[in-house]
Amino acid sequence: MNPMEKAGWTPLPHSTEDLARAKAVPDTPQTRADTYRLAWDDEDFMTRRELRAVRLQLELLKPEMILAERGIRSTVILFGGARIPEPGGEAWAAKDETQKRNLEKNSKYYEEARKFAQICSLHSAASYYREFVVVTGGGPGVMEAGNRGAADVGAPSIGLNIVLPHEQAPNAYITPELCFNFHYFAVRKMHFVMRAKAVAVFPGGFGTMDELFETLTLIQTGRMERVPVILFGKEFWERAIDLNYLAEQGTITPGDQDIIDFVETADEAWDIISRFYKLRVHARG
């Protein structure tokens, strides 16, 4: 279909047509000048600091349009450590024997994240993969496990990657046409929560903590609807963060801790989601 017909008829030339025309002009000193390039086709211009507001809009709009065209209405977020290996895998991020031992011990969460993604994706199939679609940060560790679990059962999954100083390729299990890349952390975070019907958080570091507390803040302040926030590994989380202490100190309201549910297994997590949404189908991997 002609893009103009899809978007609605217009007597004006479409941008793709003018782009082709602009590139077909004779080669002259004038047409080679940067100033002659169409503004939105000028990479040097689009990456100027003054264009930050435009780039923020584009990063919000591009995934929004693609996910809407795909018909994806809701997601399940999997947050968790990039450094956690799969069972039997190398603890590549360990800096000493203690870290190696603990990362290998925590590899059980890779397996539970994979199983949880399988369960979510099997349920998602009933809506033709429009509801409860798995979304991760697109990297290794728990994120890889989430996308891998979806791929195990032939389901699509989303990866929201971010440009980092150290090279990081998206994990191989993300559905390619649902693999996005971001420059702005803030816009990436918006895309995580905009469709979220549940948030599953596995042991992780600063990034995981950041994503968890931002979600809790949105729910606590009423800026986001209450959705299940499920933390895998009660022992880990009760040592990593002490919400009861915050309540005792008066820095959160008593009862704010109840926003969170603790689980150990994928089945427990799915049961919480099923009860919360009164789902009839209890998918199992």
C-alpha atoms as a PDB file:
ATOM      1  CA  MET A   1       0.000   0.000   0.000  1.00  0.00           C
ATOM      2  CA  ASN A   2       1.155   3.508  -0.810  1.00  0.00           C
ATOM      3  CA  PRO A   3       2.209   5.204   2.482  1.00  0.00           C
ATOM      4  CA  MET A   4       0.048   8.195   1.545  1.00  0.00           C
ATOM      5  CA  GLU A   5      -3.031   5.980   1.242  1.00  0.00           C
ATOM      6  CA  LYS A   6      -2.313   4.307   4.579  1.00  0.00           C
ATOM      7  CA  ALA A   7      -1.944   7.625   6.379  1.00  0.00           C
ATOM      8  CA  GLY A   8      -4.826   9.311   4.568  1.00  0.00           C
ATOM      9  CA  TRP A   9      -4.894  11.065   1.228  1.00  0.00           C
ATOM     10  CA  THR A  10      -3.117  14.372   0.850  1.00  0.00           C
ATOM     11  CA  PRO A  11      -2.409  16.497  -2.250  1.00  0.00           C
ATOM     12  CA  LEU A  12       0.988  17.381  -0.813  1.00  0.00           C
ATOM     13  CA  PRO A  13       4.123  15.338  -1.528  1.00  0.00           C
ATOM     14  CA  HIS A  14       5.031  12.768   1.092  1.00  0.00           C
ATOM     15  CA  SER A  15       8.334  13.199   2.923  1.00  0.00           C
ATOM     16  CA  THR A  16       9.747  10.009   1.390  1.00  0.00           C
ATOM     17  CA  GLU A  17       9.047  11.371  -2.082  1.00  0.00           C
ATOM     18  CA  ASP A  18      10.776  14.669  -1.392  1.00  0.00           C
ATOM     19  CA  LEU A  19      13.718  12.849   0.177  1.00  0.00           C
ATOM     20  CA  ALA A  20      14.211  10.859  -3.011  1.00  0.00           C
ATOM     21  CA  ARG A  21      13.884  14.020  -5.106  1.00  0.00           C
ATOM     22  CA  ALA A  22      16.377  15.906  -2.951  1.00  0.00           C
ATOM     23  CA  LYS A  23      18.955  13.140  -3.387  1.00  0.00           C
ATOM     24  CA  ALA A  24      18.424  13.022  -7.161  1.00  0.00           C
ATOM     25  CA  VAL A  25      19.405  16.658  -7.830  1.00  0.00           C
ATOM     26  CA  PRO A  26      22.588  17.429  -9.772  1.00  0.00           C
ATOM     27  CA  ASP A  27      25.839  17.316  -7.815  1.00  0.00           C
ATOM     28  CA  THR A  28      26.972  20.899  -7.345  1.00  0.00           C
ATOM     29  CA  PRO A  29      28.804  22.842  -4.612  1.00  0.00           C
ATOM     30  CA  GLN A  30      25.421  24.131  -3.498  1.00  0.00           C
ATOM     31  CA  THR A  31      23.725  20.724  -3.238  1.00  0.00           C
ATOM     32  CA  ARG A  32      26.764  19.281  -1.427  1.00  0.00           C
ATOM     33  CA  ALA A  33      26.510  21.948   1.282  1.00  0.00           C
ATOM     34  CA  ASP A  34      25.224  20.801   4.679  1.00  0.00           C
ATOM     35  CA  THR A  35      22.728  23.647   4.677  1.00  0.00           C
ATOM     36  CA  TYR A  36      21.014  22.203   1.606  1.00  0.00           C
ATOM     37  CA  ARG A  37      20.181  18.899   3.288  1.00  0.00           C
ATOM     38  CA  LEU A  38      16.614  18.446   4.476  1.00  0.00           C
ATOM     39  CA  ALA A  39      16.624  19.211   8.200  1.00  0.00           C
ATOM     40  CA  TRP A  40      15.260  15.845   9.326  1.00  0.00           C
ATOM     41  CA  ASP A  41      17.709  13.995   7.044  1.00  0.00           C
ATOM     42  CA  ASP A  42      20.675  15.937   8.409  1.00  0.00           C
ATOM     43  CA  GLU A  43      22.339  13.806  11.079  1.00  0.00           C
ATOM     44  CA  ASP A  44      24.683  16.578  12.180  1.00  0.00           C
ATOM     45  CA  PHE A  45      21.744  18.921  12.660  1.00  0.00           C
ATOM     46  CA  MET A  46      19.534  16.345  14.409  1.00  0.00           C
ATOM     47  CA  THR A  47      22.237  15.562  16.968  1.00  0.00           C
ATOM     48  CA  ARG A  48      22.851  19.181  17.987  1.00  0.00           C
ATOM     49  CA  ARG A  49      22.205  19.907  21.658  1.00  0.00           C
ATOM     50  CA  GLU A  50      19.531  22.430  20.726  1.00  0.00           C
ATOM     51  CA  LEU A  51      17.528  19.557  19.198  1.00  0.00           C
ATOM     52  CA  ARG A  52      17.308  17.573  22.450  1.00  0.00           C
ATOM     53  CA  ALA A  53      13.590  18.261  22.825  1.00  0.00           C
ATOM     54  CA  VAL A  54      12.959  16.918  19.325  1.00  0.00           C
ATOM     55  CA  ARG A  55      15.023  13.794  19.977  1.00  0.00           C
ATOM     56  CA  LEU A  56      13.110  13.149  23.212  1.00  0.00           C
ATOM     57  CA  GLN A  57       9.881  13.285  21.230  1.00  0.00           C
ATOM     58  CA  LEU A  58      11.217  10.939  18.578  1.00  0.00           C
ATOM     59  CA  GLU A  59      12.394   8.375  21.149  1.00  0.00           C
ATOM     60  CA  LEU A  60       8.953   8.409  22.733  1.00  0.00           C
ATOM     61  CA  LEU A  61       7.128   8.258  19.425  1.00  0.00           C
ATOM     62  CA  LYS A  62       9.042   5.579  17.513  1.00  0.00           C
ATOM     63  CA  PRO A  63       8.462   2.626  19.900  1.00  0.00           C
ATOM     64  CA  GLU A  64       4.953   3.886  20.680  1.00  0.00           C
ATOM     65  CA  MET A  65       3.967   3.768  17.012  1.00  0.00           C
ATOM     66  CA  ILE A  66       5.564   0.380  16.373  1.00  0.00           C
ATOM     67  CA  LEU A  67       4.043  -1.272  19.449  1.00  0.00           C
ATOM     68  CA  ALA A  68       0.625   0.218  18.628  1.00  0.00           C
ATOM     69  CA  GLU A  69       0.861  -1.017  15.033  1.00  0.00           C
ATOM     70  CA  ARG A  70       1.725  -4.451  16.402  1.00  0.00           C
ATOM     71  CA  GLY A  71      -1.400  -4.315  18.587  1.00  0.00           C
ATOM     72  CA  ILE A  72       0.463  -4.737  21.880  1.00  0.00           C
ATOM     73  CA  ARG A  73      -1.772  -3.408  24.652  1.00  0.00           C
ATOM     74  CA  SER A  74      -0.082  -4.609  27.831  1.00  0.00           C
ATOM     75  CA  THR A  75       3.225  -5.978  29.015  1.00  0.00           C
ATOM     76  CA  VAL A  76       4.893  -7.788  31.898  1.00  0.00           C
ATOM     77  CA  ILE A  77       8.218  -6.230  32.871  1.00  0.00           C
ATOM     78  CA  LEU A  78      11.184  -8.340  33.925  1.00  0.00           C
ATOM     79  CA  PHE A  79      13.835  -6.325  35.749  1.00  0.00           C
ATOM     80  CA  GLY A  80      16.975  -7.923  37.131  1.00  0.00           C
ATOM     81  CA  GLY A  81      20.730  -8.177  37.143  1.00  0.00           C
ATOM     82  CA  ALA A  82      22.695  -8.315  33.912  1.00  0.00           C
ATOM     83  CA  ARG A  83      25.476 -10.173  35.728  1.00  0.00           C
ATOM     84  CA  ILE A  84      23.491 -13.228  36.813  1.00  0.00           C
ATOM     85  CA  PRO A  85      24.549 -16.253  34.714  1.00  0.00           C
ATOM     86  CA  GLU A  86      22.391 -19.118  33.598  1.00  0.00           C
ATOM     87  CA  PRO A  87      22.744 -22.288  35.679  1.00  0.00           C
ATOM     88  CA  GLY A  88      26.095 -23.844  34.870  1.00  0.00           C
ATOM     89  CA  GLY A  89      27.221 -20.714  33.066  1.00  0.00           C
ATOM     90  CA  GLU A  90      30.278 -18.610  33.777  1.00  0.00           C
ATOM     91  CA  ALA A  91      30.008 -15.856  36.380  1.00  0.00           C
ATOM     92  CA  TRP A  92      31.771 -13.511  33.958  1.00  0.00           C
ATOM     93  CA  ALA A  93      31.213 -10.373  36.053  1.00  0.00           C
ATOM     94  CA  ALA A  94      32.703 -11.726  39.286  1.00  0.00           C
ATOM     95  CA  LYS A  95      35.639  -9.741  40.641  1.00  0.00           C
ATOM     96  CA  ASP A  96      36.542 -12.179  43.431  1.00  0.00           C
ATOM     97  CA  GLU A  97      35.662 -15.610  44.767  1.00  0.00           C
ATOM     98  CA  THR A  98      32.849 -14.288  46.958  1.00  0.00           C
ATOM     99  CA  GLN A  99      31.121 -12.630  44.013  1.00  0.00           C
ATOM    100  CA  LYS A 100      31.653 -15.732  41.882  1.00  0.00           C
ATOM    101  CA  ARG A 101      30.080 -17.949  44.527  1.00  0.00           C
ATOM    102  CA  ASN A 102      27.081 -15.652  45.010  1.00  0.00           C
ATOM    103  CA  LEU A 103      26.467 -15.048  41.316  1.00  0.00           C
ATOM    104  CA  GLU A 104      26.534 -18.790  40.672  1.00  0.00           C
ATOM    105  CA  LYS A 105      24.148 -19.311  43.589  1.00  0.00           C
ATOM    106  CA  ASN A 106      21.818 -16.658  42.169  1.00  0.00           C
ATOM    107  CA  SER A 107      21.779 -18.361  38.767  1.00  0.00           C
ATOM    108  CA  LYS A 108      18.565 -20.015  39.973  1.00  0.00           C
ATOM    109  CA  TYR A 109      16.873 -16.672  39.301  1.00  0.00           C
ATOM    110  CA  TYR A 110      17.896 -16.871  35.644  1.00  0.00           C
ATOM    111  CA  GLU A 111      15.974 -20.128  35.447  1.00  0.00           C
ATOM    112  CA  GLU A 112      12.949 -18.746  37.303  1.00  0.00           C
ATOM    113  CA  ALA A 113      12.905 -15.646  35.068  1.00  0.00           C
ATOM    114  CA  ARG A 114      12.948 -17.908  32.029  1.00  0.00           C
ATOM    115  CA  LYS A 115      10.090 -20.037  33.406  1.00  0.00           C
ATOM    116  CA  PHE A 116       8.101 -16.947  34.371  1.00  0.00           C
ATOM    117  CA  ALA A 117       8.465 -15.520  30.863  1.00  0.00           C
ATOM    118  CA  GLN A 118       7.284 -18.833  29.421  1.00  0.00           C
ATOM    119  CA  ILE A 119       4.147 -18.747  31.574  1.00  0.00           C
ATOM    120  CA  CYS A 120       3.373 -15.115  30.716  1.00  0.00           C
ATOM    121  CA  SER A 121       3.905 -15.796  27.029  1.00  0.00           C
ATOM    122  CA  LEU A 122       1.680 -18.879  26.995  1.00  0.00           C
ATOM    123  CA  HIS A 123      -1.080 -16.746  28.472  1.00  0.00           C
ATOM    124  CA  SER A 124      -0.281 -13.957  25.999  1.00  0.00           C
ATOM    125  CA  ALA A 125      -0.964 -16.352  23.128  1.00  0.00           C
ATOM    126  CA  ALA A 126      -4.669 -16.355  24.046  1.00  0.00           C
ATOM    127  CA  SER A 127      -4.816 -12.669  23.086  1.00  0.00           C
ATOM    128  CA  TYR A 128      -2.727 -13.190  19.939  1.00  0.00           C
ATOM    129  CA  TYR A 129       0.208 -11.658  21.809  1.00  0.00           C
ATOM    130  CA  ARG A 130      -1.502  -8.381  22.543  1.00  0.00           C
ATOM    131  CA  GLU A 131      -1.651  -8.744  26.341  1.00  0.00           C
ATOM    132  CA  PHE A 132       1.024  -9.706  28.906  1.00  0.00           C
ATOM    133  CA  VAL A 133       3.868  -9.453  26.393  1.00  0.00           C
ATOM    134  CA  VAL A 134       7.266  -9.860  28.051  1.00  0.00           C
ATOM    135  CA  VAL A 135       9.509  -6.783  28.035  1.00  0.00           C
ATOM    136  CA  THR A 136      13.076  -6.567  29.339  1.00  0.00           C
ATOM    137  CA  GLY A 137      15.989  -4.162  29.200  1.00  0.00           C
ATOM    138  CA  GLY A 138      17.405  -6.173  26.327  1.00  0.00           C
ATOM    139  CA  GLY A 139      20.742  -7.108  27.886  1.00  0.00           C
ATOM    140  CA  PRO A 140      22.256 -10.278  29.376  1.00  0.00           C
ATOM    141  CA  GLY A 141      21.497 -12.046  32.653  1.00  0.00           C
ATOM    142  CA  VAL A 142      17.909 -11.882  33.870  1.00  0.00           C
ATOM    143  CA  MET A 143      16.969  -9.802  30.835  1.00  0.00           C
ATOM    144  CA  GLU A 144      18.222 -12.503  28.488  1.00  0.00           C
ATOM    145  CA  ALA A 145      16.336 -15.107  30.511  1.00  0.00           C
ATOM    146  CA  GLY A 146      13.083 -13.182  30.048  1.00  0.00           C
ATOM    147  CA  ASN A 147      13.392 -12.883  26.296  1.00  0.00           C
ATOM    148  CA  ARG A 148      14.625 -16.453  26.096  1.00  0.00           C
ATOM    149  CA  GLY A 149      11.609 -17.783  27.973  1.00  0.00           C
ATOM    150  CA  ALA A 150       9.283 -16.089  25.492  1.00  0.00           C
ATOM    151  CA  ALA A 151      11.268 -17.490  22.565  1.00  0.00           C
ATOM    152  CA  ASP A 152      11.080 -20.972  24.110  1.00  0.00           C
ATOM    153  CA  VAL A 153       7.317 -21.027  23.520  1.00  0.00           C
ATOM    154  CA  GLY A 154       7.384 -19.223  20.176  1.00  0.00           C
ATOM    155  CA  ALA A 155       6.167 -15.897  21.556  1.00  0.00           C
ATOM    156  CA  PRO A 156       7.367 -12.402  20.699  1.00  0.00           C
ATOM    157  CA  SER A 157       9.088 -10.289  23.341  1.00  0.00           C
ATOM    158  CA  ILE A 158      10.345  -6.737  23.595  1.00  0.00           C
ATOM    159  CA  GLY A 159      13.832  -5.451  24.396  1.00  0.00           C
ATOM    160  CA  LEU A 160      14.385  -1.841  25.438  1.00  0.00           C
ATOM    161  CA  ASN A 161      18.128  -1.391  25.092  1.00  0.00           C
ATOM    162  CA  ILE A 162      20.165   1.653  26.095  1.00  0.00           C
ATOM    163  CA  VAL A 163      23.436   2.993  24.654  1.00  0.00           C
ATOM    164  CA  LEU A 164      26.157   2.482  27.283  1.00  0.00           C
ATOM    165  CA  PRO A 165      29.836   3.465  27.398  1.00  0.00           C
ATOM    166  CA  HIS A 166      30.836  -0.186  27.223  1.00  0.00           C
ATOM    167  CA  GLU A 167      29.714  -2.114  24.173  1.00  0.00           C
ATOM    168  CA  GLN A 168      26.561  -4.161  24.712  1.00  0.00           C
ATOM    169  CA  ALA A 169      24.681  -5.933  21.967  1.00  0.00           C
ATOM    170  CA  PRO A 170      21.024  -6.884  22.477  1.00  0.00           C
ATOM    171  CA  ASN A 171      20.568 -10.452  23.632  1.00  0.00           C
ATOM    172  CA  ALA A 172      19.832 -12.925  20.861  1.00  0.00           C
ATOM    173  CA  TYR A 173      16.320 -13.831  22.075  1.00  0.00           C
ATOM    174  CA  ILE A 174      14.552 -10.487  21.554  1.00  0.00           C
ATOM    175  CA  THR A 175      12.088 -10.415  18.667  1.00  0.00           C
ATOM    176  CA  PRO A 176      14.164  -8.409  16.140  1.00  0.00           C
ATOM    177  CA  GLU A 177      11.344  -6.091  15.073  1.00  0.00           C
ATOM    178  CA  LEU A 178      10.610  -5.363  18.755  1.00  0.00           C
ATOM    179  CA  CYS A 179      14.220  -4.581  19.660  1.00  0.00           C
ATOM    180  CA  PHE A 180      14.582  -0.873  20.435  1.00  0.00           C
ATOM    181  CA  ASN A 181      17.553   1.294  21.356  1.00  0.00           C
ATOM    182  CA  PHE A 182      17.478   4.445  23.470  1.00  0.00           C
ATOM    183  CA  HIS A 183      19.724   7.392  24.181  1.00  0.00           C
ATOM    184  CA  TYR A 184      17.568   8.786  26.991  1.00  0.00           C
ATOM    185  CA  PHE A 185      17.077   6.712  30.152  1.00  0.00           C
ATOM    186  CA  ALA A 186      13.979   8.748  31.030  1.00  0.00           C
ATOM    187  CA  VAL A 187      12.125   7.888  27.817  1.00  0.00           C
ATOM    188  CA  ARG A 188      13.153   4.239  28.093  1.00  0.00           C
ATOM    189  CA  LYS A 189      11.693   4.132  31.601  1.00  0.00           C
ATOM    190  CA  MET A 190       8.434   5.594  30.330  1.00  0.00           C
ATOM    191  CA  HIS A 191       8.150   2.805  27.772  1.00  0.00           C
ATOM    192  CA  PHE A 192       8.700   0.212  30.485  1.00  0.00           C
ATOM    193  CA  VAL A 193       5.737   1.343  32.573  1.00  0.00           C
ATOM    194  CA  MET A 194       3.328   2.762  29.967  1.00  0.00           C
ATOM    195  CA  ARG A 195       1.781  -0.656  29.265  1.00  0.00           C
ATOM    196  CA  ALA A 196       2.819  -2.623  32.355  1.00  0.00           C
ATOM    197  CA  LYS A 197       0.252  -4.932  33.945  1.00  0.00           C
ATOM    198  CA  ALA A 198       2.834  -6.520  36.220  1.00  0.00           C
ATOM    199  CA  VAL A 199       6.414  -5.872  37.296  1.00  0.00           C
ATOM    200  CA  ALA A 200       8.673  -8.796  38.185  1.00  0.00           C
ATOM    201  CA  VAL A 201      11.966  -7.860  39.804  1.00  0.00           C
ATOM    202  CA  PHE A 202      14.838 -10.276  40.269  1.00  0.00           C
ATOM    203  CA  PRO A 203      18.049  -9.699  42.235  1.00  0.00           C
ATOM    204  CA  GLY A 204      20.167  -7.003  40.650  1.00  0.00           C
ATOM    205  CA  GLY A 205      22.265  -3.907  41.191  1.00  0.00           C
ATOM    206  CA  PHE A 206      21.907  -0.158  40.826  1.00  0.00           C
ATOM    207  CA  GLY A 207      19.906  -0.319  37.587  1.00  0.00           C
ATOM    208  CA  THR A 208      17.452  -2.827  39.012  1.00  0.00           C
ATOM    209  CA  MET A 209      17.085  -0.773  42.193  1.00  0.00           C
ATOM    210  CA  ASP A 210      16.491   2.372  40.162  1.00  0.00           C
ATOM    211  CA  GLU A 211      13.757   0.737  38.104  1.00  0.00           C
ATOM    212  CA  LEU A 212      12.134  -0.855  41.154  1.00  0.00           C
ATOM    213  CA  PHE A 213      12.009   2.336  43.217  1.00  0.00           C
ATOM    214  CA  GLU A 214      10.771   4.435  40.334  1.00  0.00           C
ATOM    215  CA  THR A 215       7.882   1.982  39.886  1.00  0.00           C
ATOM    216  CA  LEU A 216       7.141   1.993  43.621  1.00  0.00           C
ATOM    217  CA  THR A 217       7.184   5.803  43.669  1.00  0.00           C
ATOM    218  CA  LEU A 218       4.733   6.027  40.776  1.00  0.00           C
ATOM    219  CA  ILE A 219       2.333   3.616  42.484  1.00  0.00           C
ATOM    220  CA  GLN A 220       2.720   5.110  45.968  1.00  0.00           C
ATOM    221  CA  THR A 221       2.034   8.643  44.713  1.00  0.00           C
ATOM    222  CA  GLY A 222      -0.933   7.548  42.615  1.00  0.00           C
ATOM    223  CA  ARG A 223       0.753   8.524  39.370  1.00  0.00           C
ATOM    224  CA  MET A 224       0.448   4.911  38.202  1.00  0.00           C
ATOM    225  CA  GLU A 225      -2.336   2.394  38.658  1.00  0.00           C
ATOM    226  CA  ARG A 226      -1.685  -0.317  41.205  1.00  0.00           C
ATOM    227  CA  VAL A 227      -0.242  -3.369  39.467  1.00  0.00           C
ATOM    228  CA  PRO A 228       1.443  -6.426  40.958  1.00  0.00           C
ATOM    229  CA  VAL A 229       5.061  -5.682  41.900  1.00  0.00           C
ATOM    230  CA  ILE A 230       6.661  -9.057  42.517  1.00  0.00           C
ATOM    231  CA  LEU A 231      10.130  -9.491  43.978  1.00  0.00           C
ATOM    232  CA  PHE A 232      11.847 -12.834  43.449  1.00  0.00           C
ATOM    233  CA  GLY A 233      14.066 -13.909  46.346  1.00  0.00           C
ATOM    234  CA  LYS A 234      12.802 -12.686  49.707  1.00  0.00           C
ATOM    235  CA  GLU A 235      16.114 -13.314  51.459  1.00  0.00           C
ATOM    236  CA  PHE A 236      17.992 -11.191  48.929  1.00  0.00           C
ATOM    237  CA  TRP A 237      15.560  -8.296  48.979  1.00  0.00           C
ATOM    238  CA  GLU A 238      15.099  -8.167  52.749  1.00  0.00           C
ATOM    239  CA  ARG A 239      18.841  -7.721  53.101  1.00  0.00           C
ATOM    240  CA  ALA A 240      19.185  -5.341  50.141  1.00  0.00           C
ATOM    241  CA  ILE A 241      16.351  -3.011  51.224  1.00  0.00           C
ATOM    242  CA  ASP A 242      14.570  -2.755  54.569  1.00  0.00           C
ATOM    243  CA  LEU A 243      11.127  -1.306  53.926  1.00  0.00           C
ATOM    244  CA  ASN A 244       9.998  -2.031  57.476  1.00  0.00           C
ATOM    245  CA  TYR A 245      12.810   0.189  58.718  1.00  0.00           C
ATOM    246  CA  LEU A 246      11.655   3.007  56.412  1.00  0.00           C
ATOM    247  CA  ALA A 247       8.134   2.641  57.811  1.00  0.00           C
ATOM    248  CA  GLU A 248       9.434   2.702  61.390  1.00  0.00           C
ATOM    249  CA  GLN A 249      11.382   5.866  60.595  1.00  0.00           C
ATOM    250  CA  GLY A 250       8.260   7.477  59.177  1.00  0.00           C
ATOM    251  CA  THR A 251       9.781   8.081  55.759  1.00  0.00           C
ATOM    252  CA  ILE A 252       7.088   5.923  54.134  1.00  0.00           C
ATOM    253  CA  THR A 253       3.551   5.290  55.278  1.00  0.00           C
ATOM    254  CA  PRO A 254       2.952   2.031  57.184  1.00  0.00           C
ATOM    255  CA  GLY A 255       1.365  -0.273  54.639  1.00  0.00           C
ATOM    256  CA  ASP A 256       3.412   1.023  51.690  1.00  0.00           C
ATOM    257  CA  GLN A 257       5.376  -2.206  52.029  1.00  0.00           C
ATOM    258  CA  ASP A 258       2.240  -4.037  50.898  1.00  0.00           C
ATOM    259  CA  ILE A 259       2.722  -2.740  47.359  1.00  0.00           C
ATOM    260  CA  ILE A 260       5.261  -5.564  47.076  1.00  0.00           C
ATOM    261  CA  ASP A 261       4.816  -9.345  46.998  1.00  0.00           C
ATOM    262  CA  PHE A 262       7.728 -11.714  47.585  1.00  0.00           C
ATOM    263  CA  VAL A 263       7.992 -15.018  45.738  1.00  0.00           C
ATOM    264  CA  GLU A 264      10.539 -17.717  45.053  1.00  0.00           C
ATOM    265  CA  THR A 265       9.126 -19.354  41.943  1.00  0.00           C
ATOM    266  CA  ALA A 266       7.582 -18.475  38.621  1.00  0.00           C
ATOM    267  CA  ASP A 267       4.379 -20.327  39.480  1.00  0.00           C
ATOM    268  CA  GLU A 268       3.924 -18.266  42.640  1.00  0.00           C
ATOM    269  CA  ALA A 269       4.384 -15.065  40.661  1.00  0.00           C
ATOM    270  CA  TRP A 270       1.854 -16.033  38.013  1.00  0.00           C
ATOM    271  CA  ASP A 271      -0.680 -16.995  40.684  1.00  0.00           C
ATOM    272  CA  ILE A 272      -0.425 -13.469  42.105  1.00  0.00           C
ATOM    273  CA  ILE A 273      -1.061 -11.971  38.675  1.00  0.00           C
ATOM    274  CA  SER A 274      -3.923 -14.373  37.994  1.00  0.00           C
ATOM    275  CA  ARG A 275      -5.646 -13.486  41.255  1.00  0.00           C
ATOM    276  CA  PHE A 276      -5.081  -9.776  40.811  1.00  0.00           C
ATOM    277  CA  TYR A 277      -6.696  -9.722  37.354  1.00  0.00           C
ATOM    278  CA  LYS A 278      -9.125 -12.599  38.023  1.00  0.00           C
ATOM    279  CA  LEU A 279      -7.803 -14.489  35.029  1.00  0.00           C
ATOM    280  CA  ARG A 280      -9.534 -17.687  34.084  1.00  0.00           C
ATOM    281  CA  VAL A 281      -6.630 -19.223  32.257  1.00  0.00           C
ATOM    282  CA  HIS A 282      -3.705 -20.355  34.394  1.00  0.00           C
ATOM    283  CA  ALA A 283      -0.985 -20.968  31.849  1.00  0.00           C
ATOM    284  CA  ARG A 284       1.904 -23.177  32.833  1.00  0.00           C
ATOM    285  CA  GLY A 285       5.188 -23.741  31.087  1.00  0.00           C
END
